[in-house]
C-alpha cells in the first residue's frame, strides 16, 4: 500500500478525506480501496456508524470511478 507521510497527509485538502476530522484519506485509488476495507472493518467492530460507513463508501467509489 502507498503510505502517506505526515507532511503529505497535512498537505492534502479537506476534500481528500472521506469523513470530517480528516479521517480516511482518499487522494487516490489505492487509498480509496484501503479506506473501504478499514471502514468495513470498523463498522463490523462497532466503531463506525452505518451512516459514516455509507459516506466513506460513496466517497471512495467516486474516487475509484475517476481513476
Protein backbone atom coordinates (compact mmCIF):
# COMPACT_ATOMS: atom_id res chain seq x y z
CA UNK A 1 0.00 0.00 0.00
CA UNK A 2 1.08 3.52 -0.67
CA UNK A 3 1.86 5.33 2.56
CA UNK A 4 1.36 9.00 3.27
CA UNK A 5 3.95 10.78 5.33
CA UNK A 6 2.73 13.22 7.95
CA UNK A 7 3.77 16.11 5.68
CA UNK A 8 1.91 14.62 2.69
CA UNK A 9 -1.21 14.00 4.76
CA UNK A 10 -1.11 17.52 6.20
CA UNK A 11 -0.76 18.96 2.69
CA UNK A 12 -3.95 17.28 1.46
CA UNK A 13 -7.07 19.45 1.27
CA UNK A 14 -10.01 18.52 3.49
CA UNK A 15 -11.82 17.33 0.36
CA UNK A 16 -9.28 14.47 0.04
CA UNK A 17 -10.74 12.82 3.16
CA UNK A 18 -13.92 10.76 3.31
CA UNK A 19 -15.06 11.97 6.73
CA UNK A 20 -14.79 15.22 8.69
CA UNK A 21 -11.87 15.44 11.05
CA UNK A 22 -9.57 14.47 8.18
CA UNK A 23 -10.41 10.79 8.59
CA UNK A 24 -9.99 8.18 5.86
CA UNK A 25 -7.71 9.87 3.32
CA UNK A 26 -8.76 9.06 -0.26
CA UNK A 27 -6.43 11.07 -2.54
CA UNK A 28 -6.06 8.16 -4.99
CA UNK A 29 -7.44 4.73 -5.88
CA UNK A 30 -5.06 2.85 -3.58
CA UNK A 31 -6.11 4.87 -0.57
CA UNK A 32 -9.78 4.69 -1.59
CA UNK A 33 -9.64 0.88 -1.61
CA UNK A 34 -7.89 0.91 1.76
CA UNK A 35 -10.48 3.30 3.18
CA UNK A 36 -13.25 0.91 2.11
CA UNK A 37 -11.51 -2.02 3.79
CA UNK A 38 -10.77 -0.13 7.02
CA UNK A 39 -14.26 1.37 7.20
CA UNK A 40 -15.82 -2.07 6.72
CA UNK A 41 -13.64 -3.44 9.50
CA UNK A 42 -14.56 -0.58 11.83
CA UNK A 43 -18.27 -0.96 11.01
CA UNK A 44 -18.22 -4.65 11.87
CA UNK A 45 -16.34 -3.94 15.12
CA UNK A 46 -18.98 -1.40 16.05
CA UNK A 47 -16.56 1.54 15.95
CA UNK A 48 -18.16 3.25 12.93
CA UNK A 49 -21.80 4.07 12.30
CA UNK A 50 -23.63 2.81 9.24
CA UNK A 51 -24.08 6.41 8.12
CA UNK A 52 -20.34 7.12 8.32
CA UNK A 53 -19.59 3.86 6.51
CA UNK A 54 -22.02 4.81 3.74
CA UNK A 55 -20.28 8.19 3.41
CA UNK A 56 -16.84 6.57 3.19
CA UNK A 57 -18.12 4.05 0.63
CA UNK A 58 -19.73 6.71 -1.55
CA UNK A 59 -16.69 8.99 -1.49
CA UNK A 60 -14.26 6.10 -2.09
CA UNK A 61 -16.32 4.74 -5.00
CA UNK A 62 -16.37 8.22 -6.56
CA UNK A 63 -12.56 8.30 -6.46
CA UNK A 64 -12.36 4.78 -7.92
CA UNK A 65 -14.73 5.66 -10.77
CA UNK A 66 -12.49 8.57 -11.74
CA UNK A 67 -9.26 6.53 -11.79
